[in-house]
Amino acid sequence: MKKNLISVAILALLLVNLVLTGIMAFSVMSTNKKTAQLVSDIATTINLEIATDDPASEEAPDKVSMKNIETYTISDMTIPLKKGVDEKDHYMLASVALSMNKEHPDFLEYGSALQEDLIKGEIIKIISSYTIDEAKANTGVLCEEILKKIQALYESDFIFDVTFSSTLYQ
């Protein structure tokens, strides 16, 4: 008799658990739908802000297909950095990769004969104006400044991206 009574109690608890789980699932579903709608609205808003009618964004590097990109690497440049708060000499060892558009008309003229020494000079001028902390924190800004200087040097935008393929600070 005791085994039968325990079985009935377990069955009753199982049914109560099943009902409570169902209630909880339905109450969470409506909240989940509202949260998903909120996330969707935020994502839509962000996409609208990113997509601009700025003509400069049409010239973005992502418009160049991978088959039309050629890279040129200037490796292992040791660049002295501006003295910071600690008044110690610091250096940056950097390898810089230049991405060039092979389909650009100026690539045929300049692409095979880049003036590496002139480019190194521009890179050194820009990087040496930063302290070690500024250089570590602003690598994106450094790349943008170097790109602008190189494009001004060649008076062309066939070089469309500058990245550090490796950096070491001392």
N, C-alpha and C. Protein backbone atom coordinates (compact mmCIF):
# COMPACT_ATOMS: atom_id res chain seq x y z
N MET A 1 0.81 -1.18 0.00
CA MET A 1 0.00 0.00 0.00
C MET A 1 0.86 1.26 0.00
N LYS A 2 2.00 1.21 0.76
CA LYS A 2 2.86 2.38 0.84
C LYS A 2 3.49 2.68 -0.53
N LYS A 3 3.88 1.64 -1.26
CA LYS A 3 4.49 1.84 -2.57
C LYS A 3 3.50 2.47 -3.54
N ASN A 4 2.25 2.09 -3.46
CA ASN A 4 1.23 2.63 -4.33
C ASN A 4 0.96 4.10 -4.00
N LEU A 5 0.92 4.44 -2.73
CA LEU A 5 0.69 5.81 -2.30
C LEU A 5 1.85 6.72 -2.72
N ILE A 6 3.07 6.21 -2.62
CA ILE A 6 4.26 6.98 -3.03
C ILE A 6 4.22 7.20 -4.54
N SER A 7 3.80 6.18 -5.29
CA SER A 7 3.72 6.31 -6.75
C SER A 7 2.70 7.37 -7.14
N VAL A 8 1.57 7.43 -6.44
CA VAL A 8 0.54 8.43 -6.71
C VAL A 8 1.08 9.82 -6.39
N ALA A 9 1.81 9.96 -5.29
CA ALA A 9 2.38 11.26 -4.91
C ALA A 9 3.40 11.73 -5.96
N ILE A 10 4.23 10.81 -6.42
CA ILE A 10 5.22 11.16 -7.44
C ILE A 10 4.53 11.58 -8.73
N LEU A 11 3.46 10.88 -9.10
CA LEU A 11 2.71 11.24 -10.31
C LEU A 11 2.08 12.62 -10.17
N ALA A 12 1.53 12.92 -8.99
CA ALA A 12 0.93 14.23 -8.76
C ALA A 12 1.99 15.33 -8.84
N LEU A 13 3.14 15.10 -8.23
CA LEU A 13 4.23 16.10 -8.30
C LEU A 13 4.73 16.28 -9.73
N LEU A 14 4.77 15.19 -10.49
CA LEU A 14 5.18 15.26 -11.88
C LEU A 14 4.22 16.13 -12.69
N LEU A 15 2.94 15.94 -12.47
CA LEU A 15 1.94 16.74 -13.18
C LEU A 15 2.02 18.22 -12.78
N VAL A 16 2.20 18.50 -11.49
CA VAL A 16 2.34 19.88 -11.03
C VAL A 16 3.58 20.52 -11.66
N ASN A 17 4.68 19.77 -11.70
CA ASN A 17 5.91 20.27 -12.32
C ASN A 17 5.70 20.57 -13.80
N LEU A 18 5.01 19.68 -14.50
CA LEU A 18 4.73 19.87 -15.91
C LEU A 18 3.88 21.11 -16.15
N VAL A 19 2.86 21.33 -15.35
CA VAL A 19 1.99 22.50 -15.49
C VAL A 19 2.79 23.78 -15.22
N LEU A 20 3.57 23.80 -14.15
CA LEU A 20 4.36 25.00 -13.82
C LEU A 20 5.40 25.29 -14.90
N THR A 21 6.01 24.26 -15.48
CA THR A 21 6.97 24.46 -16.56
C THR A 21 6.28 25.07 -17.77
N GLY A 22 5.08 24.59 -18.09
CA GLY A 22 4.32 25.15 -19.21
C GLY A 22 3.97 26.61 -18.99
N ILE A 23 3.53 26.95 -17.78
CA ILE A 23 3.19 28.34 -17.46
C ILE A 23 4.43 29.22 -17.59
N MET A 24 5.55 28.73 -17.05
CA MET A 24 6.78 29.51 -17.11
C MET A 24 7.23 29.71 -18.57
N ALA A 25 7.12 28.68 -19.38
CA ALA A 25 7.53 28.78 -20.78
C ALA A 25 6.69 29.82 -21.52
N PHE A 26 5.37 29.80 -21.33
CA PHE A 26 4.53 30.77 -22.01
C PHE A 26 4.78 32.19 -21.53
N SER A 27 5.07 32.38 -20.25
CA SER A 27 5.32 33.74 -19.75
C SER A 27 6.66 34.26 -20.25
N VAL A 28 7.65 33.39 -20.40
CA VAL A 28 8.97 33.81 -20.89
C VAL A 28 8.93 34.06 -22.39
N MET A 29 8.09 33.33 -23.12
CA MET A 29 8.01 33.49 -24.57
C MET A 29 7.62 34.91 -24.97
N SER A 30 6.65 35.50 -24.28
CA SER A 30 6.24 36.86 -24.64
C SER A 30 7.35 37.86 -24.35
N THR A 31 8.04 37.67 -23.24
CA THR A 31 9.17 38.54 -22.91
C THR A 31 10.29 38.35 -23.93
N ASN A 32 10.53 37.13 -24.34
CA ASN A 32 11.56 36.83 -25.32
C ASN A 32 11.24 37.50 -26.66
N LYS A 33 9.97 37.48 -27.06
CA LYS A 33 9.58 38.12 -28.32
C LYS A 33 9.82 39.63 -28.26
N LYS A 34 9.50 40.24 -27.12
CA LYS A 34 9.71 41.68 -26.96
C LYS A 34 11.20 42.02 -27.00
N THR A 35 12.00 41.19 -26.35
CA THR A 35 13.45 41.43 -26.36
C THR A 35 14.02 41.27 -27.76
N ALA A 36 13.58 40.25 -28.48
CA ALA A 36 14.05 40.05 -29.85
C ALA A 36 13.66 41.22 -30.73
N GLN A 37 12.48 41.76 -30.56
CA GLN A 37 12.03 42.91 -31.34
C GLN A 37 12.88 44.15 -31.02
N LEU A 38 13.21 44.34 -29.74
CA LEU A 38 14.06 45.46 -29.33
C LEU A 38 15.44 45.35 -29.96
N VAL A 39 16.04 44.15 -29.92
CA VAL A 39 17.36 43.94 -30.52
C VAL A 39 17.29 44.18 -32.02
N SER A 40 16.24 43.72 -32.64
CA SER A 40 16.06 43.93 -34.08
C SER A 40 15.95 45.41 -34.42
N ASP A 41 15.21 46.16 -33.62
CA ASP A 41 15.08 47.60 -33.85
C ASP A 41 16.42 48.31 -33.69
N ILE A 42 17.17 47.92 -32.68
CA ILE A 42 18.49 48.55 -32.46
C ILE A 42 19.42 48.23 -33.62
N ALA A 43 19.42 46.98 -34.09
CA ALA A 43 20.28 46.60 -35.21
C ALA A 43 19.90 47.37 -36.47
N THR A 44 18.62 47.56 -36.69
CA THR A 44 18.16 48.33 -37.85
C THR A 44 18.64 49.77 -37.76
N THR A 45 18.53 50.35 -36.58
CA THR A 45 18.97 51.74 -36.38
C THR A 45 20.48 51.87 -36.61
N ILE A 46 21.25 50.94 -36.11
CA ILE A 46 22.70 50.99 -36.30
C ILE A 46 23.05 50.87 -37.77
N ASN A 47 22.39 49.99 -38.48
CA ASN A 47 22.66 49.84 -39.92
C ASN A 47 22.32 51.11 -40.68
N LEU A 48 21.28 51.80 -40.28
CA LEU A 48 20.94 53.05 -40.94
C LEU A 48 21.99 54.11 -40.70
N GLU A 49 22.57 54.13 -39.50
CA GLU A 49 23.59 55.13 -39.20
C GLU A 49 24.90 54.81 -39.90
N ILE A 50 25.20 53.55 -40.07
CA ILE A 50 26.45 53.19 -40.73
C ILE A 50 26.37 53.48 -42.22
N ALA A 51 25.25 53.18 -42.84
CA ALA A 51 25.10 53.41 -44.27
C ALA A 51 24.84 54.89 -44.51
N THR A 52 25.83 55.58 -45.06
CA THR A 52 25.71 57.00 -45.32
C THR A 52 25.81 57.25 -46.81
N ASP A 53 25.47 58.45 -47.21
CA ASP A 53 25.60 58.84 -48.60
C ASP A 53 26.88 59.63 -48.82
N ASP A 54 27.86 59.42 -47.95
CA ASP A 54 29.13 60.11 -48.04
C ASP A 54 29.90 59.60 -49.25
N PRO A 55 30.29 60.48 -50.17
CA PRO A 55 31.03 60.00 -51.34
C PRO A 55 32.36 59.38 -50.98
N ALA A 56 32.95 59.78 -49.87
CA ALA A 56 34.24 59.21 -49.47
C ALA A 56 34.08 57.74 -49.09
N SER A 57 32.90 57.36 -48.60
CA SER A 57 32.71 55.97 -48.21
C SER A 57 32.61 55.07 -49.43
N GLU A 58 32.29 55.61 -50.59
CA GLU A 58 32.25 54.81 -51.80
C GLU A 58 33.64 54.41 -52.26
N GLU A 59 34.64 55.15 -51.84
CA GLU A 59 36.02 54.86 -52.20
C GLU A 59 36.67 53.94 -51.16
N ALA A 60 35.87 53.33 -50.31
CA ALA A 60 36.38 52.51 -49.22
C ALA A 60 37.17 51.33 -49.76
N PRO A 61 38.13 50.84 -48.96
CA PRO A 61 38.95 49.73 -49.40
C PRO A 61 38.17 48.45 -49.65
N ASP A 62 37.00 48.30 -49.04
CA ASP A 62 36.25 47.07 -49.24
C ASP A 62 35.67 47.00 -50.65
N LYS A 63 35.78 48.03 -51.44
CA LYS A 63 35.31 48.02 -52.82
C LYS A 63 36.32 47.34 -53.74
N VAL A 64 37.53 47.11 -53.29
CA VAL A 64 38.56 46.47 -54.10
C VAL A 64 38.48 44.98 -53.84
N SER A 65 38.30 44.20 -54.90
CA SER A 65 38.20 42.76 -54.72
C SER A 65 39.57 42.17 -54.40
N MET A 66 39.55 41.03 -53.75
CA MET A 66 40.80 40.40 -53.31
C MET A 66 41.74 40.09 -54.48
N LYS A 67 41.20 39.77 -55.62
CA LYS A 67 42.07 39.43 -56.75
C LYS A 67 42.78 40.66 -57.31
N ASN A 68 42.32 41.86 -56.95
CA ASN A 68 42.93 43.08 -57.45
C ASN A 68 43.83 43.76 -56.41
N ILE A 69 44.12 43.07 -55.33
CA ILE A 69 44.95 43.65 -54.27
C ILE A 69 46.35 43.05 -54.36
N GLU A 70 47.33 43.94 -54.32
CA GLU A 70 48.71 43.50 -54.21
C GLU A 70 49.29 44.20 -52.98
N THR A 71 50.06 43.47 -52.20
CA THR A 71 50.64 44.06 -50.99
C THR A 71 52.14 44.24 -51.17
N TYR A 72 52.63 45.24 -50.48
CA TYR A 72 54.06 45.52 -50.46
C TYR A 72 54.43 45.70 -49.00
N THR A 73 55.38 44.94 -48.51
CA THR A 73 55.74 44.97 -47.09
C THR A 73 57.09 45.63 -46.90
N ILE A 74 57.11 46.58 -46.00
CA ILE A 74 58.37 47.19 -45.56
C ILE A 74 58.62 46.60 -44.19
N SER A 75 59.63 45.77 -44.09
CA SER A 75 59.80 44.99 -42.85
C SER A 75 60.88 45.54 -41.94
N ASP A 76 60.66 45.29 -40.68
CA ASP A 76 61.64 45.52 -39.60
C ASP A 76 62.26 46.91 -39.60
N MET A 77 61.41 47.92 -39.44
CA MET A 77 61.90 49.28 -39.27
C MET A 77 61.99 49.57 -37.77
N THR A 78 63.13 50.01 -37.31
CA THR A 78 63.29 50.40 -35.91
C THR A 78 63.14 51.91 -35.85
N ILE A 79 62.10 52.36 -35.16
CA ILE A 79 61.75 53.77 -35.16
C ILE A 79 61.83 54.32 -33.74
N PRO A 80 62.62 55.37 -33.52
CA PRO A 80 62.66 55.97 -32.18
C PRO A 80 61.36 56.73 -31.91
N LEU A 81 60.84 56.57 -30.71
CA LEU A 81 59.60 57.24 -30.34
C LEU A 81 59.91 58.47 -29.49
N LYS A 82 58.96 59.39 -29.46
CA LYS A 82 59.10 60.60 -28.66
C LYS A 82 59.15 60.21 -27.18
N LYS A 83 59.95 60.93 -26.42
CA LYS A 83 60.07 60.64 -24.98
C LYS A 83 58.76 60.98 -24.29
N GLY A 84 58.37 60.10 -23.41
CA GLY A 84 57.12 60.28 -22.68
C GLY A 84 57.36 60.81 -21.29
N VAL A 85 56.47 60.49 -20.41
CA VAL A 85 56.53 60.94 -19.03
C VAL A 85 57.75 60.38 -18.31
N ASP A 86 58.13 59.15 -18.65
CA ASP A 86 59.27 58.52 -17.96
C ASP A 86 60.62 59.03 -18.45
N GLU A 87 60.65 59.85 -19.50
CA GLU A 87 61.86 60.44 -20.06
C GLU A 87 62.90 59.39 -20.50
N LYS A 88 62.44 58.20 -20.85
CA LYS A 88 63.34 57.16 -21.35
C LYS A 88 63.21 57.07 -22.87
N ASP A 89 64.25 56.55 -23.49
CA ASP A 89 64.20 56.32 -24.92
C ASP A 89 63.42 55.04 -25.19
N HIS A 90 62.45 55.14 -26.10
CA HIS A 90 61.66 53.98 -26.49
C HIS A 90 61.71 53.84 -28.01
N TYR A 91 61.54 52.60 -28.47
CA TYR A 91 61.59 52.31 -29.89
C TYR A 91 60.41 51.43 -30.28
N MET A 92 60.05 51.53 -31.54
CA MET A 92 59.02 50.67 -32.10
C MET A 92 59.64 49.92 -33.26
N LEU A 93 59.56 48.60 -33.22
CA LEU A 93 60.00 47.76 -34.33
C LEU A 93 58.74 47.39 -35.09
N ALA A 94 58.63 47.83 -36.33
CA ALA A 94 57.39 47.64 -37.08
C ALA A 94 57.65 47.13 -38.48
N SER A 95 56.72 46.30 -38.93
CA SER A 95 56.65 45.91 -40.34
C SER A 95 55.33 46.46 -40.86
N VAL A 96 55.40 47.20 -41.96
CA VAL A 96 54.23 47.88 -42.49
C VAL A 96 53.86 47.26 -43.83
N ALA A 97 52.58 46.92 -43.97
CA ALA A 97 52.08 46.36 -45.23
C ALA A 97 51.21 47.39 -45.93
N LEU A 98 51.56 47.66 -47.19
CA LEU A 98 50.79 48.58 -48.01
C LEU A 98 49.91 47.77 -48.97
N SER A 99 48.62 48.05 -48.99
CA SER A 99 47.71 47.36 -49.91
C SER A 99 47.46 48.27 -51.11
N MET A 100 47.68 47.71 -52.30
CA MET A 100 47.54 48.49 -53.53
C MET A 100 46.49 47.88 -54.44
N ASN A 101 45.77 48.73 -55.14
CA ASN A 101 44.77 48.31 -56.11
C ASN A 101 45.44 48.14 -57.46
N LYS A 102 45.53 46.90 -57.93
CA LYS A 102 46.19 46.61 -59.21
C LYS A 102 45.42 47.16 -60.40
N GLU A 103 44.13 47.43 -60.24
CA GLU A 103 43.30 47.94 -61.33
C GLU A 103 43.37 49.46 -61.46
N HIS A 104 43.97 50.12 -60.48
CA HIS A 104 44.06 51.59 -60.51
C HIS A 104 45.06 52.00 -61.60
N PRO A 105 44.77 53.05 -62.36
CA PRO A 105 45.69 53.47 -63.44
C PRO A 105 47.09 53.82 -62.95
N ASP A 106 47.19 54.39 -61.75
CA ASP A 106 48.51 54.77 -61.24
C ASP A 106 49.34 53.58 -60.78
N PHE A 107 48.70 52.44 -60.56
CA PHE A 107 49.46 51.26 -60.14
C PHE A 107 50.48 50.86 -61.20
N LEU A 108 50.10 50.96 -62.46
CA LEU A 108 51.01 50.59 -63.53
C LEU A 108 52.25 51.48 -63.54
N GLU A 109 52.05 52.74 -63.15
CA GLU A 109 53.17 53.68 -63.16
C GLU A 109 54.04 53.55 -61.92
N TYR A 110 53.40 53.42 -60.74
CA TYR A 110 54.16 53.44 -59.48
C TYR A 110 54.29 52.08 -58.81
N GLY A 111 53.36 51.16 -59.05
CA GLY A 111 53.27 49.93 -58.28
C GLY A 111 54.51 49.07 -58.31
N SER A 112 55.16 48.97 -59.45
CA SER A 112 56.33 48.11 -59.53
C SER A 112 57.61 48.80 -59.05
N ALA A 113 57.57 50.11 -58.92
CA ALA A 113 58.77 50.85 -58.52
C ALA A 113 58.45 51.81 -57.38
N LEU A 114 58.01 51.26 -56.27
CA LEU A 114 57.72 52.11 -55.11
C LEU A 114 59.02 52.69 -54.57
N GLN A 115 58.96 53.92 -54.17
CA GLN A 115 60.11 54.59 -53.58
C GLN A 115 60.14 54.27 -52.08
N GLU A 116 60.70 53.11 -51.74
CA GLU A 116 60.66 52.61 -50.37
C GLU A 116 61.30 53.57 -49.38
N ASP A 117 62.39 54.21 -49.76
CA ASP A 117 63.06 55.13 -48.84
C ASP A 117 62.19 56.34 -48.52
N LEU A 118 61.48 56.87 -49.52
CA LEU A 118 60.58 57.99 -49.27
C LEU A 118 59.41 57.57 -48.38
N ILE A 119 58.89 56.39 -48.62
CA ILE A 119 57.79 55.89 -47.80
C ILE A 119 58.27 55.66 -46.37
N LYS A 120 59.46 55.07 -46.21
CA LYS A 120 60.01 54.87 -44.87
C LYS A 120 60.18 56.19 -44.15
N GLY A 121 60.63 57.20 -44.87
CA GLY A 121 60.81 58.52 -44.26
C GLY A 121 59.50 59.07 -43.72
N GLU A 122 58.43 58.94 -44.49
CA GLU A 122 57.11 59.42 -44.04
C GLU A 122 56.64 58.63 -42.82
N ILE A 123 56.84 57.32 -42.86
CA ILE A 123 56.43 56.47 -41.73
C ILE A 123 57.19 56.85 -40.48
N ILE A 124 58.49 57.05 -40.60
CA ILE A 124 59.31 57.40 -39.44
C ILE A 124 58.91 58.76 -38.88
N LYS A 125 58.65 59.75 -39.76
CA LYS A 125 58.22 61.08 -39.30
C LYS A 125 56.96 60.98 -38.46
N ILE A 126 56.01 60.21 -38.94
CA ILE A 126 54.72 60.14 -38.25
C ILE A 126 54.85 59.38 -36.93
N ILE A 127 55.44 58.19 -36.97
CA ILE A 127 55.51 57.37 -35.76
C ILE A 127 56.39 58.00 -34.69
N SER A 128 57.48 58.65 -35.10
CA SER A 128 58.39 59.23 -34.10
C SER A 128 57.79 60.45 -33.41
N SER A 129 56.65 60.94 -33.88
CA SER A 129 56.01 62.07 -33.18
C SER A 129 55.09 61.60 -32.05
N TYR A 130 55.03 60.30 -31.82
CA TYR A 130 54.19 59.72 -30.77
C TYR A 130 55.06 59.16 -29.65
N THR A 131 54.52 59.19 -28.43
CA THR A 131 55.17 58.50 -27.32
C THR A 131 54.81 57.02 -27.40
N ILE A 132 55.44 56.20 -26.58
CA ILE A 132 55.17 54.77 -26.63
C ILE A 132 53.72 54.47 -26.26
N ASP A 133 53.19 55.17 -25.26
CA ASP A 133 51.80 54.94 -24.85
C ASP A 133 50.82 55.38 -25.93
N GLU A 134 51.09 56.52 -26.56
CA GLU A 134 50.22 56.99 -27.64
C GLU A 134 50.26 56.05 -28.84
N ALA A 135 51.45 55.55 -29.16
CA ALA A 135 51.58 54.65 -30.31
C ALA A 135 50.84 53.34 -30.06
N LYS A 136 50.93 52.81 -28.86
CA LYS A 136 50.23 51.56 -28.54
C LYS A 136 48.72 51.76 -28.60
N ALA A 137 48.25 52.89 -28.11
CA ALA A 137 46.81 53.13 -28.02
C ALA A 137 46.19 53.57 -29.35
N ASN A 138 46.98 54.10 -30.27
CA ASN A 138 46.42 54.70 -31.49
C ASN A 138 46.98 54.09 -32.77
N THR A 139 47.07 52.78 -32.85
CA THR A 139 47.63 52.18 -34.07
C THR A 139 46.75 52.46 -35.28
N GLY A 140 45.45 52.52 -35.08
CA GLY A 140 44.55 52.84 -36.20
C GLY A 140 44.78 54.24 -36.72
N VAL A 141 44.98 55.19 -35.81
CA VAL A 141 45.24 56.58 -36.20
C VAL A 141 46.58 56.67 -36.91
N LEU A 142 47.57 55.94 -36.42
CA LEU A 142 48.88 55.93 -37.08
C LEU A 142 48.75 55.44 -38.52
N CYS A 143 48.01 54.35 -38.71
CA CYS A 143 47.84 53.81 -40.06
C CYS A 143 47.14 54.81 -40.98
N GLU A 144 46.12 55.50 -40.45
CA GLU A 144 45.41 56.49 -41.25
C GLU A 144 46.32 57.65 -41.64
N GLU A 145 47.12 58.13 -40.68
CA GLU A 145 48.04 59.24 -40.97
C GLU A 145 49.08 58.83 -42.01
N ILE A 146 49.61 57.62 -41.85
CA ILE A 146 50.61 57.13 -42.81
C ILE A 146 49.99 57.02 -44.20
N LEU A 147 48.77 56.49 -44.27
CA LEU A 147 48.08 56.36 -45.55
C LEU A 147 47.90 57.71 -46.22
N LYS A 148 47.45 58.71 -45.46
CA LYS A 148 47.25 60.05 -46.03
C LYS A 148 48.55 60.63 -46.56
N LYS A 149 49.63 60.45 -45.80
CA LYS A 149 50.94 60.99 -46.23
C LYS A 149 51.43 60.29 -47.49
N ILE A 150 51.27 58.97 -47.55
CA ILE A 150 51.73 58.24 -48.73
C ILE A 150 50.89 58.60 -49.95
N GLN A 151 49.58 58.73 -49.75
CA GLN A 151 48.72 59.13 -50.87
C GLN A 151 49.08 60.54 -51.34
N ALA A 152 49.42 61.43 -50.41
CA ALA A 152 49.84 62.78 -50.80
C ALA A 152 51.20 62.73 -51.51
N LEU A 153 52.07 61.84 -51.08
CA LEU A 153 53.38 61.70 -51.70
C LEU A 153 53.26 61.29 -53.16
N TYR A 154 52.40 60.34 -53.43
CA TYR A 154 52.21 59.85 -54.80
C TYR A 154 51.13 60.62 -55.56
N GLU A 155 50.41 61.49 -54.86
CA GLU A 155 49.29 62.22 -55.44
C GLU A 155 48.30 61.26 -56.10
N SER A 156 48.05 60.15 -55.41
CA SER A 156 47.17 59.12 -55.93
C SER A 156 46.67 58.26 -54.77
N ASP A 157 45.58 57.55 -55.01
CA ASP A 157 45.04 56.67 -53.98
C ASP A 157 45.10 55.20 -54.40
N PHE A 158 46.08 54.84 -55.24
CA PHE A 158 46.22 53.44 -55.60
C PHE A 158 46.66 52.61 -54.41
N ILE A 159 47.33 53.23 -53.44
CA ILE A 159 47.58 52.59 -52.15
C ILE A 159 46.38 52.96 -51.29
N PHE A 160 45.58 51.96 -50.93
CA PHE A 160 44.33 52.27 -50.25
C PHE A 160 44.29 51.84 -48.80
N ASP A 161 45.33 51.12 -48.33
CA ASP A 161 45.31 50.68 -46.94
C ASP A 161 46.73 50.49 -46.43
N VAL A 162 46.92 50.84 -45.18
CA VAL A 162 48.20 50.63 -44.49
C VAL A 162 47.90 49.88 -43.21
N THR A 163 48.62 48.79 -42.99
CA THR A 163 48.47 48.04 -41.74
C THR A 163 49.84 47.67 -41.20
N PHE A 164 49.88 47.49 -39.89
CA PHE A 164 51.10 46.98 -39.27
C PHE A 164 51.00 45.46 -39.25
N SER A 165 51.89 44.80 -39.97
CA SER A 165 51.86 43.34 -39.95
C SER A 165 52.49 42.81 -38.69
N SER A 166 53.37 43.58 -38.07
CA SER A 166 53.91 43.24 -36.75
C SER A 166 54.44 44.49 -36.09
N THR A 167 54.34 44.53 -34.78
CA THR A 167 54.87 45.65 -34.01
C THR A 167 55.45 45.13 -32.69
N LEU A 168 56.55 45.70 -32.31
CA LEU A 168 57.16 45.44 -31.00
C LEU A 168 57.55 46.79 -30.42
N TYR A 169 57.34 46.93 -29.12
CA TYR A 169 57.68 48.18 -28.45
C TYR A 169 58.75 47.89 -27.40
N GLN A 170 59.67 48.84 -27.24
CA GLN A 170 60.70 48.73 -26.21
C GLN A 170 60.91 50.08 -25.59
